[in-house]
Amino acid sequence: MCGHQDCIAAVAHPARFCDDHSRDSIGWNRGPRTASSGRTSTRAWKLQRAKTLQRDNHQCVIRGQRCTVTATEVDHVVPCHLGGSDDLGNLQSACHNCHASRTAAQAAAARG
């Protein structure tokens, strides 16, 4: 029997769900959630992120209007879609508020 609530479809072992309720059919295995998540989930990115935060002493270098000072995120100085790389020279530590504001401003500029 299918493991989905109220489904009585027969399923061959070792499958747990019928074709209608398999993870692929409901979108669980469709690849990266966002355009950048495929890259930022790699070991290489996680290492660059840790190096950037350590280099900047976990302090936000953007210092925008709503800055919380403590950096928890890493921002690209030159965005990847404009040719920026994941090199340390193109990365800066940012607090959530500054990173969100900068990303929103870049998205608005890209839309025109």
N, C-alpha and C. Protein backbone atom coordinates (compact mmCIF):
# COMPACT_ATOMS: atom_id res chain seq x y z
N MET A 1 0.83 -1.18 0.00
CA MET A 1 0.00 0.00 0.00
C MET A 1 0.88 1.25 0.00
N CYS A 2 0.40 2.28 -0.69
CA CYS A 2 1.08 3.57 -0.75
C CYS A 2 1.13 4.18 0.65
N GLY A 3 2.22 4.82 0.97
CA GLY A 3 2.38 5.44 2.29
C GLY A 3 1.73 6.80 2.42
N HIS A 4 1.12 7.30 1.35
CA HIS A 4 0.46 8.60 1.41
C HIS A 4 -0.89 8.47 2.10
N GLN A 5 -1.27 9.46 2.88
CA GLN A 5 -2.52 9.45 3.62
C GLN A 5 -3.71 9.17 2.71
N ASP A 6 -4.54 8.21 3.07
CA ASP A 6 -5.78 7.83 2.38
C ASP A 6 -5.59 7.22 1.00
N CYS A 7 -4.38 6.93 0.57
CA CYS A 7 -4.15 6.30 -0.73
C CYS A 7 -4.11 4.79 -0.54
N ILE A 8 -4.84 4.06 -1.37
CA ILE A 8 -4.89 2.61 -1.23
C ILE A 8 -4.22 1.89 -2.41
N ALA A 9 -3.44 2.62 -3.19
CA ALA A 9 -2.77 2.03 -4.35
C ALA A 9 -1.72 1.02 -3.91
N ALA A 10 -1.62 -0.06 -4.68
CA ALA A 10 -0.62 -1.08 -4.39
C ALA A 10 0.76 -0.60 -4.85
N VAL A 11 1.78 -0.92 -4.06
CA VAL A 11 3.15 -0.50 -4.35
C VAL A 11 4.07 -1.70 -4.18
N ALA A 12 4.96 -1.92 -5.15
CA ALA A 12 5.91 -3.03 -5.06
C ALA A 12 7.09 -2.64 -4.17
N HIS A 13 7.51 -3.56 -3.32
CA HIS A 13 8.66 -3.34 -2.44
C HIS A 13 9.89 -3.09 -3.30
N PRO A 14 10.79 -2.18 -3.03
CA PRO A 14 10.98 -1.38 -1.82
C PRO A 14 10.34 0.00 -1.87
N ALA A 15 9.59 0.31 -2.93
CA ALA A 15 8.96 1.63 -3.02
C ALA A 15 7.98 1.83 -1.87
N ARG A 16 7.85 3.07 -1.41
CA ARG A 16 6.91 3.38 -0.33
C ARG A 16 5.68 4.11 -0.83
N PHE A 17 5.77 4.75 -2.00
CA PHE A 17 4.66 5.54 -2.52
C PHE A 17 4.33 5.12 -3.94
N CYS A 18 3.07 5.31 -4.32
CA CYS A 18 2.64 5.04 -5.68
C CYS A 18 3.19 6.14 -6.60
N ASP A 19 2.99 5.98 -7.90
CA ASP A 19 3.49 6.96 -8.86
C ASP A 19 2.90 8.35 -8.63
N ASP A 20 1.66 8.43 -8.21
CA ASP A 20 1.02 9.73 -7.97
C ASP A 20 1.57 10.44 -6.75
N HIS A 21 2.14 9.69 -5.80
CA HIS A 21 2.59 10.31 -4.56
C HIS A 21 4.09 10.17 -4.31
N SER A 22 4.84 9.76 -5.34
CA SER A 22 6.29 9.65 -5.16
C SER A 22 6.89 11.05 -5.00
N ARG A 23 8.05 11.12 -4.43
CA ARG A 23 8.71 12.41 -4.20
C ARG A 23 8.91 13.18 -5.49
N ASP A 24 9.24 12.49 -6.57
CA ASP A 24 9.44 13.16 -7.86
C ASP A 24 8.15 13.81 -8.36
N SER A 25 7.02 13.16 -8.16
CA SER A 25 5.77 13.68 -8.69
C SER A 25 5.26 14.90 -7.93
N ILE A 26 5.72 15.08 -6.68
CA ILE A 26 5.25 16.25 -5.91
C ILE A 26 6.33 17.32 -5.77
N GLY A 27 7.43 17.18 -6.53
CA GLY A 27 8.41 18.26 -6.61
C GLY A 27 9.56 18.21 -5.63
N TRP A 28 9.75 17.10 -4.92
CA TRP A 28 10.83 17.06 -3.93
C TRP A 28 12.20 16.84 -4.54
N ASN A 29 12.27 16.27 -5.70
CA ASN A 29 13.57 15.96 -6.31
C ASN A 29 13.72 16.64 -7.66
N ARG A 30 13.37 17.88 -7.73
CA ARG A 30 13.41 18.59 -9.01
C ARG A 30 14.66 19.46 -9.16
N GLY A 31 15.67 19.23 -8.39
CA GLY A 31 16.89 20.01 -8.52
C GLY A 31 16.95 21.16 -7.53
N PRO A 32 17.86 22.09 -7.74
CA PRO A 32 18.06 23.20 -6.81
C PRO A 32 16.82 24.06 -6.65
N ARG A 33 16.58 24.52 -5.44
CA ARG A 33 15.43 25.36 -5.13
C ARG A 33 15.55 26.73 -5.78
N THR A 34 16.74 27.30 -5.79
CA THR A 34 16.98 28.60 -6.40
C THR A 34 18.13 28.47 -7.39
N ALA A 35 18.33 29.50 -8.18
CA ALA A 35 19.39 29.47 -9.18
C ALA A 35 20.76 29.30 -8.53
N SER A 36 20.95 29.89 -7.37
CA SER A 36 22.27 29.83 -6.74
C SER A 36 22.44 28.66 -5.76
N SER A 37 21.37 28.01 -5.35
CA SER A 37 21.50 26.98 -4.34
C SER A 37 22.29 25.77 -4.81
N GLY A 38 22.32 25.52 -6.11
CA GLY A 38 23.14 24.43 -6.62
C GLY A 38 24.62 24.69 -6.40
N ARG A 39 25.02 25.96 -6.45
CA ARG A 39 26.42 26.33 -6.25
C ARG A 39 26.74 26.51 -4.77
N THR A 40 25.83 27.11 -4.01
CA THR A 40 26.12 27.44 -2.61
C THR A 40 26.01 26.25 -1.67
N SER A 41 25.57 25.11 -2.17
CA SER A 41 25.53 23.92 -1.32
C SER A 41 26.79 23.08 -1.46
N THR A 42 27.75 23.54 -2.23
CA THR A 42 28.97 22.77 -2.44
C THR A 42 29.97 23.00 -1.31
N ARG A 43 30.86 22.06 -1.17
CA ARG A 43 31.91 22.15 -0.15
C ARG A 43 32.82 23.36 -0.41
N ALA A 44 33.12 23.60 -1.70
CA ALA A 44 34.00 24.72 -2.06
C ALA A 44 33.38 26.05 -1.64
N TRP A 45 32.07 26.23 -1.88
CA TRP A 45 31.42 27.48 -1.48
C TRP A 45 31.41 27.63 0.04
N LYS A 46 31.11 26.56 0.74
CA LYS A 46 31.04 26.63 2.21
C LYS A 46 32.40 27.02 2.79
N LEU A 47 33.48 26.55 2.17
CA LEU A 47 34.82 26.92 2.60
C LEU A 47 35.09 28.40 2.34
N GLN A 48 34.73 28.89 1.14
CA GLN A 48 34.90 30.31 0.81
C GLN A 48 34.08 31.19 1.75
N ARG A 49 32.87 30.75 2.07
CA ARG A 49 31.99 31.50 2.97
C ARG A 49 32.64 31.61 4.36
N ALA A 50 33.14 30.50 4.86
CA ALA A 50 33.78 30.51 6.18
C ALA A 50 35.02 31.40 6.18
N LYS A 51 35.82 31.33 5.12
CA LYS A 51 37.02 32.17 5.02
C LYS A 51 36.66 33.65 4.98
N THR A 52 35.61 33.99 4.26
CA THR A 52 35.18 35.39 4.14
C THR A 52 34.71 35.92 5.49
N LEU A 53 33.87 35.17 6.17
CA LEU A 53 33.37 35.61 7.48
C LEU A 53 34.52 35.75 8.48
N GLN A 54 35.47 34.82 8.44
CA GLN A 54 36.62 34.89 9.34
C GLN A 54 37.50 36.10 9.00
N ARG A 55 37.74 36.32 7.72
CA ARG A 55 38.55 37.46 7.28
C ARG A 55 37.96 38.78 7.76
N ASP A 56 36.65 38.91 7.68
CA ASP A 56 35.97 40.14 8.07
C ASP A 56 35.55 40.15 9.54
N ASN A 57 36.03 39.17 10.30
CA ASN A 57 35.77 39.08 11.73
C ASN A 57 34.27 39.06 12.05
N HIS A 58 33.50 38.44 11.18
CA HIS A 58 32.04 38.33 11.34
C HIS A 58 31.36 39.69 11.51
N GLN A 59 31.94 40.71 10.87
CA GLN A 59 31.38 42.06 10.91
C GLN A 59 30.88 42.44 9.52
N CYS A 60 29.70 43.04 9.46
CA CYS A 60 29.13 43.48 8.19
C CYS A 60 29.98 44.61 7.62
N VAL A 61 30.37 44.49 6.37
CA VAL A 61 31.17 45.54 5.75
C VAL A 61 30.32 46.49 4.92
N ILE A 62 29.04 46.17 4.73
CA ILE A 62 28.17 47.03 3.94
C ILE A 62 27.68 48.22 4.76
N ARG A 63 27.30 47.97 6.00
CA ARG A 63 26.86 49.00 6.95
C ARG A 63 25.76 49.90 6.39
N GLY A 64 24.67 49.28 5.97
CA GLY A 64 23.52 50.02 5.46
C GLY A 64 22.68 50.61 6.59
N GLN A 65 21.53 51.16 6.22
CA GLN A 65 20.66 51.85 7.16
C GLN A 65 20.17 50.97 8.30
N ARG A 66 19.83 49.72 7.99
CA ARG A 66 19.27 48.83 9.00
C ARG A 66 20.27 47.77 9.43
N CYS A 67 21.54 48.08 9.38
CA CYS A 67 22.62 47.14 9.68
C CYS A 67 22.57 46.66 11.13
N THR A 68 22.76 45.36 11.30
CA THR A 68 22.83 44.78 12.65
C THR A 68 24.28 44.50 13.06
N VAL A 69 25.22 44.83 12.22
CA VAL A 69 26.67 44.73 12.41
C VAL A 69 27.20 43.29 12.37
N THR A 70 26.54 42.34 12.98
CA THR A 70 27.03 40.97 13.00
C THR A 70 26.72 40.29 11.67
N ALA A 71 27.76 39.89 10.96
CA ALA A 71 27.62 39.27 9.65
C ALA A 71 27.28 37.80 9.79
N THR A 72 26.24 37.39 9.10
CA THR A 72 25.84 35.98 9.06
C THR A 72 25.77 35.47 7.62
N GLU A 73 25.97 36.36 6.66
CA GLU A 73 25.86 36.00 5.25
C GLU A 73 27.05 36.55 4.47
N VAL A 74 27.22 36.04 3.26
CA VAL A 74 28.31 36.49 2.39
C VAL A 74 27.70 37.01 1.10
N ASP A 75 28.17 38.16 0.66
CA ASP A 75 27.65 38.84 -0.52
C ASP A 75 28.74 38.96 -1.57
N HIS A 76 28.35 38.87 -2.83
CA HIS A 76 29.28 39.09 -3.93
C HIS A 76 29.36 40.58 -4.23
N VAL A 77 30.55 41.15 -4.26
CA VAL A 77 30.73 42.57 -4.61
C VAL A 77 30.22 42.78 -6.04
N VAL A 78 30.70 41.99 -6.96
CA VAL A 78 30.19 41.98 -8.33
C VAL A 78 29.34 40.72 -8.44
N PRO A 79 28.03 40.85 -8.64
CA PRO A 79 27.15 39.68 -8.69
C PRO A 79 27.57 38.68 -9.76
N CYS A 80 27.30 37.42 -9.50
CA CYS A 80 27.67 36.36 -10.44
C CYS A 80 27.03 36.56 -11.80
N HIS A 81 25.79 37.06 -11.84
CA HIS A 81 25.12 37.23 -13.14
C HIS A 81 25.74 38.36 -13.96
N LEU A 82 26.60 39.16 -13.31
CA LEU A 82 27.32 40.22 -14.03
C LEU A 82 28.79 39.86 -14.22
N GLY A 83 29.11 38.59 -14.01
CA GLY A 83 30.47 38.12 -14.24
C GLY A 83 31.32 38.00 -13.00
N GLY A 84 30.75 38.23 -11.83
CA GLY A 84 31.51 38.09 -10.58
C GLY A 84 31.82 36.64 -10.28
N SER A 85 32.87 36.44 -9.51
CA SER A 85 33.30 35.07 -9.19
C SER A 85 33.14 34.81 -7.69
N ASP A 86 33.46 33.59 -7.30
CA ASP A 86 33.43 33.21 -5.89
C ASP A 86 34.80 33.36 -5.23
N ASP A 87 35.70 34.13 -5.87
CA ASP A 87 37.01 34.38 -5.28
C ASP A 87 36.86 35.25 -4.05
N LEU A 88 37.77 35.10 -3.08
CA LEU A 88 37.70 35.88 -1.84
C LEU A 88 37.69 37.38 -2.09
N GLY A 89 38.37 37.83 -3.13
CA GLY A 89 38.41 39.25 -3.44
C GLY A 89 37.07 39.82 -3.89
N ASN A 90 36.14 38.94 -4.27
CA ASN A 90 34.82 39.38 -4.71
C ASN A 90 33.74 39.08 -3.67
N LEU A 91 34.14 38.67 -2.49
CA LEU A 91 33.19 38.34 -1.44
C LEU A 91 33.34 39.29 -0.26
N GLN A 92 32.20 39.61 0.35
CA GLN A 92 32.22 40.45 1.55
C GLN A 92 31.19 39.93 2.54
N SER A 93 31.48 40.07 3.82
CA SER A 93 30.57 39.65 4.87
C SER A 93 29.46 40.67 5.02
N ALA A 94 28.26 40.17 5.31
CA ALA A 94 27.11 41.07 5.43
C ALA A 94 26.12 40.54 6.46
N CYS A 95 25.45 41.47 7.15
CA CYS A 95 24.35 41.06 8.03
C CYS A 95 23.14 40.76 7.13
N HIS A 96 22.15 40.11 7.68
CA HIS A 96 21.00 39.73 6.87
C HIS A 96 20.30 40.95 6.26
N ASN A 97 20.10 42.00 7.04
CA ASN A 97 19.40 43.19 6.55
C ASN A 97 20.13 43.85 5.39
N CYS A 98 21.42 44.04 5.52
CA CYS A 98 22.19 44.67 4.45
C CYS A 98 22.22 43.80 3.20
N HIS A 99 22.38 42.49 3.38
CA HIS A 99 22.41 41.58 2.24
C HIS A 99 21.07 41.59 1.52
N ALA A 100 19.98 41.55 2.26
CA ALA A 100 18.65 41.57 1.64
C ALA A 100 18.40 42.88 0.91
N SER A 101 18.80 44.00 1.51
CA SER A 101 18.61 45.31 0.87
C SER A 101 19.43 45.41 -0.41
N ARG A 102 20.67 44.98 -0.35
CA ARG A 102 21.55 45.06 -1.52
C ARG A 102 21.04 44.15 -2.64
N THR A 103 20.62 42.94 -2.29
CA THR A 103 20.10 42.01 -3.27
C THR A 103 18.83 42.55 -3.93
N ALA A 104 17.94 43.15 -3.13
CA ALA A 104 16.70 43.73 -3.67
C ALA A 104 17.02 44.88 -4.61
N ALA A 105 17.98 45.71 -4.25
CA ALA A 105 18.36 46.85 -5.10
C ALA A 105 18.96 46.36 -6.41
N GLN A 106 19.77 45.31 -6.36
CA GLN A 106 20.36 44.75 -7.58
C GLN A 106 19.29 44.13 -8.48
N ALA A 107 18.32 43.47 -7.87
CA ALA A 107 17.24 42.86 -8.64
C ALA A 107 16.39 43.94 -9.32
N ALA A 108 16.12 45.02 -8.59
CA ALA A 108 15.34 46.12 -9.16
C ALA A 108 16.09 46.77 -10.33
N ALA A 109 17.40 46.93 -10.17
CA ALA A 109 18.21 47.52 -11.23
C ALA A 109 18.23 46.61 -12.46
N ALA A 110 18.28 45.31 -12.23
CA ALA A 110 18.30 44.36 -13.34
C ALA A 110 16.98 44.35 -14.11
N ARG A 111 15.89 44.60 -13.39
CA ARG A 111 14.58 44.67 -14.05
C ARG A 111 14.39 45.97 -14.82
N GLY A 112 15.20 46.96 -14.49
CA GLY A 112 15.13 48.22 -15.22
C GLY A 112 14.34 49.21 -14.48
